[in-house]
Amino acid sequence: MEALHHIRDVTFREDSCQICTGSLPQVMATCRNFAIGAFRHVGHVNMTHARRHYRNDARRLRALFDL
């Protein structure tokens, strides 16, 4: 579990996120976990590289989720 926290903290900068109202922190953690799971599902090992790969290309992101 510590490895997942490390990925969320370092790659997704979770600890520096300023969302702190209501259930939003939990929702954001769930979204980050979903993204990590999707990246791993298609074979990405390096989450930083995966984020960069999908970040600026909507077609790639749609293909990731097969939309």
PDB file of N, CA and C in Angstrom:
ATOM      1  N   MET A   1       0.826  -1.196   0.000  1.00  0.00           N
ATOM      2  CA  MET A   1       0.000   0.000   0.000  1.00  0.00           C
ATOM      3  C   MET A   1       0.871   1.261   0.000  1.00  0.00           C
ATOM      4  N   GLU A   2       2.034   1.180   0.615  1.00  0.00           N
ATOM      5  CA  GLU A   2       2.924   2.340   0.649  1.00  0.00           C
ATOM      6  C   GLU A   2       3.374   2.721  -0.761  1.00  0.00           C
ATOM      7  N   ALA A   3       3.563   1.730  -1.628  1.00  0.00           N
ATOM      8  CA  ALA A   3       3.984   2.021  -2.993  1.00  0.00           C
ATOM      9  C   ALA A   3       2.908   2.829  -3.724  1.00  0.00           C
ATOM     10  N   LEU A   4       1.643   2.489  -3.516  1.00  0.00           N
ATOM     11  CA  LEU A   4       0.556   3.226  -4.150  1.00  0.00           C
ATOM     12  C   LEU A   4       0.525   4.662  -3.640  1.00  0.00           C
ATOM     13  N   HIS A   5       0.714   4.839  -2.329  1.00  0.00           N
ATOM     14  CA  HIS A   5       0.752   6.206  -1.793  1.00  0.00           C
ATOM     15  C   HIS A   5       1.908   6.987  -2.400  1.00  0.00           C
ATOM     16  N   HIS A   6       3.047   6.323  -2.556  1.00  0.00           N
ATOM     17  CA  HIS A   6       4.214   6.993  -3.142  1.00  0.00           C
ATOM     18  C   HIS A   6       3.905   7.447  -4.566  1.00  0.00           C
ATOM     19  N   ILE A   7       3.268   6.603  -5.355  1.00  0.00           N
ATOM     20  CA  ILE A   7       2.905   6.973  -6.729  1.00  0.00           C
ATOM     21  C   ILE A   7       1.934   8.145  -6.706  1.00  0.00           C
ATOM     22  N   ARG A   8       0.912   8.062  -5.847  1.00  0.00           N
ATOM     23  CA  ARG A   8      -0.071   9.156  -5.797  1.00  0.00           C
ATOM     24  C   ARG A   8       0.575  10.446  -5.318  1.00  0.00           C
ATOM     25  N   ASP A   9       1.496  10.355  -4.379  1.00  0.00           N
ATOM     26  CA  ASP A   9       2.119  11.566  -3.841  1.00  0.00           C
ATOM     27  C   ASP A   9       3.119  12.161  -4.819  1.00  0.00           C
ATOM     28  N   VAL A  10       3.991  11.344  -5.368  1.00  0.00           N
ATOM     29  CA  VAL A  10       5.060  11.861  -6.222  1.00  0.00           C
ATOM     30  C   VAL A  10       4.544  12.178  -7.620  1.00  0.00           C
ATOM     31  N   THR A  11       3.856  11.243  -8.241  1.00  0.00           N
ATOM     32  CA  THR A  11       3.430  11.428  -9.626  1.00  0.00           C
ATOM     33  C   THR A  11       2.224  12.354  -9.737  1.00  0.00           C
ATOM     34  N   PHE A  12       1.262  12.184  -8.827  1.00  0.00           N
ATOM     35  CA  PHE A  12       0.035  12.975  -8.903  1.00  0.00           C
ATOM     36  C   PHE A  12       0.013  14.125  -7.893  1.00  0.00           C
ATOM     37  N   ARG A  13       1.103  14.293  -7.139  1.00  0.00           N
ATOM     38  CA  ARG A  13       1.257  15.382  -6.155  1.00  0.00           C
ATOM     39  C   ARG A  13       0.074  15.463  -5.180  1.00  0.00           C
ATOM     40  N   GLU A  14      -0.345  14.314  -4.681  1.00  0.00           N
ATOM     41  CA  GLU A  14      -1.516  14.261  -3.825  1.00  0.00           C
ATOM     42  C   GLU A  14      -1.346  15.061  -2.526  1.00  0.00           C
ATOM     43  N   ASP A  15      -0.188  14.973  -1.910  1.00  0.00           N
ATOM     44  CA  ASP A  15       0.002  15.660  -0.626  1.00  0.00           C
ATOM     45  C   ASP A  15      -0.002  17.182  -0.758  1.00  0.00           C
ATOM     46  N   SER A  16       0.274  17.705  -1.940  1.00  0.00           N
ATOM     47  CA  SER A  16       0.260  19.155  -2.112  1.00  0.00           C
ATOM     48  C   SER A  16      -1.088  19.661  -2.630  1.00  0.00           C
ATOM     49  N   CYS A  17      -2.011  18.746  -2.868  1.00  0.00           N
ATOM     50  CA  CYS A  17      -3.341  19.117  -3.342  1.00  0.00           C
ATOM     51  C   CYS A  17      -4.075  19.884  -2.241  1.00  0.00           C
ATOM     52  N   GLN A  18      -4.749  20.958  -2.603  1.00  0.00           N
ATOM     53  CA  GLN A  18      -5.417  21.789  -1.604  1.00  0.00           C
ATOM     54  C   GLN A  18      -6.918  21.540  -1.518  1.00  0.00           C
ATOM     55  N   ILE A  19      -7.376  20.473  -2.149  1.00  0.00           N
ATOM     56  CA  ILE A  19      -8.794  20.100  -2.033  1.00  0.00           C
ATOM     57  C   ILE A  19      -8.980  19.463  -0.662  1.00  0.00           C
ATOM     58  N   CYS A  20      -9.788  20.093   0.175  1.00  0.00           N
ATOM     59  CA  CYS A  20      -9.919  19.568   1.543  1.00  0.00           C
ATOM     60  C   CYS A  20     -11.338  19.721   2.091  1.00  0.00           C
ATOM     61  N   THR A  21     -12.319  19.845   1.226  1.00  0.00           N
ATOM     62  CA  THR A  21     -13.685  20.079   1.681  1.00  0.00           C
ATOM     63  C   THR A  21     -14.537  18.844   1.476  1.00  0.00           C
ATOM     64  N   GLY A  22     -15.252  18.450   2.494  1.00  0.00           N
ATOM     65  CA  GLY A  22     -16.199  17.346   2.392  1.00  0.00           C
ATOM     66  C   GLY A  22     -15.545  16.054   1.940  1.00  0.00           C
ATOM     67  N   SER A  23     -16.177  15.411   0.973  1.00  0.00           N
ATOM     68  CA  SER A  23     -15.679  14.123   0.492  1.00  0.00           C
ATOM     69  C   SER A  23     -14.774  14.269  -0.735  1.00  0.00           C
ATOM     70  N   LEU A  24     -14.480  15.495  -1.148  1.00  0.00           N
ATOM     71  CA  LEU A  24     -13.657  15.694  -2.338  1.00  0.00           C
ATOM     72  C   LEU A  24     -12.268  15.061  -2.254  1.00  0.00           C
ATOM     73  N   PRO A  25     -11.578  15.083  -1.114  1.00  0.00           N
ATOM     74  CA  PRO A  25     -10.274  14.408  -1.063  1.00  0.00           C
ATOM     75  C   PRO A  25     -10.391  12.911  -1.371  1.00  0.00           C
ATOM     76  N   GLN A  26     -11.441  12.281  -0.871  1.00  0.00           N
ATOM     77  CA  GLN A  26     -11.659  10.861  -1.141  1.00  0.00           C
ATOM     78  C   GLN A  26     -11.981  10.626  -2.611  1.00  0.00           C
ATOM     79  N   VAL A  27     -12.781  11.497  -3.185  1.00  0.00           N
ATOM     80  CA  VAL A  27     -13.139  11.385  -4.604  1.00  0.00           C
ATOM     81  C   VAL A  27     -11.885  11.517  -5.467  1.00  0.00           C
ATOM     82  N   MET A  28     -11.042  12.484  -5.142  1.00  0.00           N
ATOM     83  CA  MET A  28      -9.814  12.679  -5.918  1.00  0.00           C
ATOM     84  C   MET A  28      -8.870  11.483  -5.772  1.00  0.00           C
ATOM     85  N   ALA A  29      -8.756  10.921  -4.579  1.00  0.00           N
ATOM     86  CA  ALA A  29      -7.925   9.730  -4.379  1.00  0.00           C
ATOM     87  C   ALA A  29      -8.460   8.574  -5.212  1.00  0.00           C
ATOM     88  N   THR A  30      -9.777   8.439  -5.278  1.00  0.00           N
ATOM     89  CA  THR A  30     -10.391   7.392  -6.091  1.00  0.00           C
ATOM     90  C   THR A  30     -10.082   7.611  -7.568  1.00  0.00           C
ATOM     91  N   CYS A  31     -10.162   8.850  -8.026  1.00  0.00           N
ATOM     92  CA  CYS A  31      -9.837   9.160  -9.427  1.00  0.00           C
ATOM     93  C   CYS A  31      -8.378   8.847  -9.733  1.00  0.00           C
ATOM     94  N   ARG A  32      -7.494   9.186  -8.815  1.00  0.00           N
ATOM     95  CA  ARG A  32      -6.080   8.887  -9.015  1.00  0.00           C
ATOM     96  C   ARG A  32      -5.850   7.384  -9.059  1.00  0.00           C
ATOM     97  N   ASN A  33      -6.486   6.646  -8.157  1.00  0.00           N
ATOM     98  CA  ASN A  33      -6.358   5.185  -8.155  1.00  0.00           C
ATOM     99  C   ASN A  33      -6.893   4.593  -9.457  1.00  0.00           C
ATOM    100  N   PHE A  34      -7.995   5.135  -9.956  1.00  0.00           N
ATOM    101  CA  PHE A  34      -8.573   4.675 -11.208  1.00  0.00           C
ATOM    102  C   PHE A  34      -7.595   4.888 -12.356  1.00  0.00           C
ATOM    103  N   ALA A  35      -6.974   6.060 -12.406  1.00  0.00           N
ATOM    104  CA  ALA A  35      -5.999   6.358 -13.461  1.00  0.00           C
ATOM    105  C   ALA A  35      -4.808   5.412 -13.377  1.00  0.00           C
ATOM    106  N   ILE A  36      -4.305   5.184 -12.186  1.00  0.00           N
ATOM    107  CA  ILE A  36      -3.172   4.271 -12.004  1.00  0.00           C
ATOM    108  C   ILE A  36      -3.556   2.868 -12.463  1.00  0.00           C
ATOM    109  N   GLY A  37      -4.750   2.427 -12.096  1.00  0.00           N
ATOM    110  CA  GLY A  37      -5.214   1.106 -12.514  1.00  0.00           C
ATOM    111  C   GLY A  37      -5.368   1.003 -14.019  1.00  0.00           C
ATOM    112  N   ALA A  38      -5.896   2.053 -14.644  1.00  0.00           N
ATOM    113  CA  ALA A  38      -6.048   2.053 -16.103  1.00  0.00           C
ATOM    114  C   ALA A  38      -4.686   2.015 -16.789  1.00  0.00           C
ATOM    115  N   PHE A  39      -3.738   2.788 -16.289  1.00  0.00           N
ATOM    116  CA  PHE A  39      -2.395   2.788 -16.868  1.00  0.00           C
ATOM    117  C   PHE A  39      -1.755   1.408 -16.746  1.00  0.00           C
ATOM    118  N   ARG A  40      -1.891   0.795 -15.586  1.00  0.00           N
ATOM    119  CA  ARG A  40      -1.315  -0.541 -15.381  1.00  0.00           C
ATOM    120  C   ARG A  40      -2.008  -1.580 -16.254  1.00  0.00           C
ATOM    121  N   HIS A  41      -3.302  -1.429 -16.432  1.00  0.00           N
ATOM    122  CA  HIS A  41      -4.077  -2.393 -17.215  1.00  0.00           C
ATOM    123  C   HIS A  41      -3.582  -2.475 -18.655  1.00  0.00           C
ATOM    124  N   VAL A  42      -3.167  -1.347 -19.215  1.00  0.00           N
ATOM    125  CA  VAL A  42      -2.674  -1.348 -20.598  1.00  0.00           C
ATOM    126  C   VAL A  42      -1.165  -1.565 -20.681  1.00  0.00           C
ATOM    127  N   GLY A  43      -0.527  -1.844 -19.545  1.00  0.00           N
ATOM    128  CA  GLY A  43       0.871  -2.249 -19.564  1.00  0.00           C
ATOM    129  C   GLY A  43       1.897  -1.218 -19.149  1.00  0.00           C
ATOM    130  N   HIS A  44       1.453  -0.045 -18.731  1.00  0.00           N
ATOM    131  CA  HIS A  44       2.426   0.961 -18.284  1.00  0.00           C
ATOM    132  C   HIS A  44       2.972   0.575 -16.914  1.00  0.00           C
ATOM    133  N   VAL A  45       4.269   0.704 -16.768  1.00  0.00           N
ATOM    134  CA  VAL A  45       4.929   0.446 -15.489  1.00  0.00           C
ATOM    135  C   VAL A  45       5.322   1.772 -14.843  1.00  0.00           C
ATOM    136  N   ASN A  46       5.776   2.702 -15.652  1.00  0.00           N
ATOM    137  CA  ASN A  46       6.206   4.007 -15.173  1.00  0.00           C
ATOM    138  C   ASN A  46       5.021   4.977 -15.268  1.00  0.00           C
ATOM    139  N   MET A  47       4.485   5.364 -14.113  1.00  0.00           N
ATOM    140  CA  MET A  47       3.289   6.199 -14.092  1.00  0.00           C
ATOM    141  C   MET A  47       3.569   7.623 -14.568  1.00  0.00           C
ATOM    142  N   THR A  48       4.766   8.128 -14.336  1.00  0.00           N
ATOM    143  CA  THR A  48       5.114   9.462 -14.825  1.00  0.00           C
ATOM    144  C   THR A  48       5.091   9.476 -16.350  1.00  0.00           C
ATOM    145  N   HIS A  49       5.675   8.469 -16.947  1.00  0.00           N
ATOM    146  CA  HIS A  49       5.667   8.368 -18.407  1.00  0.00           C
ATOM    147  C   HIS A  49       4.230   8.212 -18.914  1.00  0.00           C
ATOM    148  N   ALA A  50       3.436   7.417 -18.249  1.00  0.00           N
ATOM    149  CA  ALA A  50       2.046   7.214 -18.668  1.00  0.00           C
ATOM    150  C   ALA A  50       1.267   8.523 -18.626  1.00  0.00           C
ATOM    151  N   ARG A  51       1.425   9.301 -17.563  1.00  0.00           N
ATOM    152  CA  ARG A  51       0.725  10.595 -17.475  1.00  0.00           C
ATOM    153  C   ARG A  51       1.117  11.498 -18.626  1.00  0.00           C
ATOM    154  N   ARG A  52       2.411  11.570 -18.907  1.00  0.00           N
ATOM    155  CA  ARG A  52       2.876  12.414 -20.012  1.00  0.00           C
ATOM    156  C   ARG A  52       2.329  11.917 -21.350  1.00  0.00           C
ATOM    157  N   HIS A  53       2.251  10.603 -21.499  1.00  0.00           N
ATOM    158  CA  HIS A  53       1.781  10.004 -22.745  1.00  0.00           C
ATOM    159  C   HIS A  53       0.331  10.397 -23.041  1.00  0.00           C
ATOM    160  N   TYR A  54      -0.507  10.451 -22.019  1.00  0.00           N
ATOM    161  CA  TYR A  54      -1.931  10.718 -22.207  1.00  0.00           C
ATOM    162  C   TYR A  54      -2.333  12.169 -21.969  1.00  0.00           C
ATOM    163  N   ARG A  55      -1.493  12.937 -21.322  1.00  0.00           N
ATOM    164  CA  ARG A  55      -1.870  14.264 -20.850  1.00  0.00           C
ATOM    165  C   ARG A  55      -2.365  15.215 -21.931  1.00  0.00           C
ATOM    166  N   ASN A  56      -1.694  15.315 -23.031  1.00  0.00           N
ATOM    167  CA  ASN A  56      -2.028  16.332 -24.029  1.00  0.00           C
ATOM    168  C   ASN A  56      -2.637  15.774 -25.313  1.00  0.00           C
ATOM    169  N   ASP A  57      -3.137  14.555 -25.266  1.00  0.00           N
ATOM    170  CA  ASP A  57      -3.690  13.950 -26.469  1.00  0.00           C
ATOM    171  C   ASP A  57      -5.024  13.277 -26.132  1.00  0.00           C
ATOM    172  N   ALA A  58      -6.103  13.965 -26.451  1.00  0.00           N
ATOM    173  CA  ALA A  58      -7.440  13.456 -26.129  1.00  0.00           C
ATOM    174  C   ALA A  58      -7.729  12.142 -26.838  1.00  0.00           C
ATOM    175  N   ARG A  59      -7.180  11.951 -28.034  1.00  0.00           N
ATOM    176  CA  ARG A  59      -7.410  10.691 -28.760  1.00  0.00           C
ATOM    177  C   ARG A  59      -6.810   9.516 -28.011  1.00  0.00           C
ATOM    178  N   ARG A  60      -5.616   9.700 -27.488  1.00  0.00           N
ATOM    179  CA  ARG A  60      -4.984   8.626 -26.708  1.00  0.00           C
ATOM    180  C   ARG A  60      -5.795   8.330 -25.446  1.00  0.00           C
ATOM    181  N   LEU A  61      -6.258   9.382 -24.805  1.00  0.00           N
ATOM    182  CA  LEU A  61      -7.039   9.203 -23.578  1.00  0.00           C
ATOM    183  C   LEU A  61      -8.350   8.477 -23.864  1.00  0.00           C
ATOM    184  N   ARG A  62      -9.025   8.848 -24.940  1.00  0.00           N
ATOM    185  CA  ARG A  62     -10.255   8.147 -25.328  1.00  0.00           C
ATOM    186  C   ARG A  62      -9.959   6.695 -25.646  1.00  0.00           C
ATOM    187  N   ALA A  63      -8.857   6.436 -26.316  1.00  0.00           N
ATOM    188  CA  ALA A  63      -8.478   5.054 -26.650  1.00  0.00           C
ATOM    189  C   ALA A  63      -8.172   4.252 -25.391  1.00  0.00           C
ATOM    190  N   LEU A  64      -7.594   4.904 -24.388  1.00  0.00           N
ATOM    191  CA  LEU A  64      -7.313   4.220 -23.126  1.00  0.00           C
ATOM    192  C   LEU A  64      -8.589   3.649 -22.530  1.00  0.00           C
ATOM    193  N   PHE A  65      -9.659   4.415 -22.620  1.00  0.00           N
ATOM    194  CA  PHE A  65     -10.930   3.973 -22.058  1.00  0.00           C
ATOM    195  C   PHE A  65     -11.860   3.419 -23.123  1.00  0.00           C
ATOM    196  N   ASP A  66     -11.336   3.250 -24.333  1.00  0.00           N
ATOM    197  CA  ASP A  66     -12.077   2.652 -25.443  1.00  0.00           C
ATOM    198  C   ASP A  66     -13.398   3.363 -25.689  1.00  0.00           C
ATOM    199  N   LEU A  67     -13.343   4.697 -25.774  1.00  0.00           N
ATOM    200  CA  LEU A  67     -14.551   5.493 -26.001  1.00  0.00           C
ATOM    201  C   LEU A  67     -14.680   5.881 -27.454  1.00  0.00           C
TER     202      LEU A  67
END
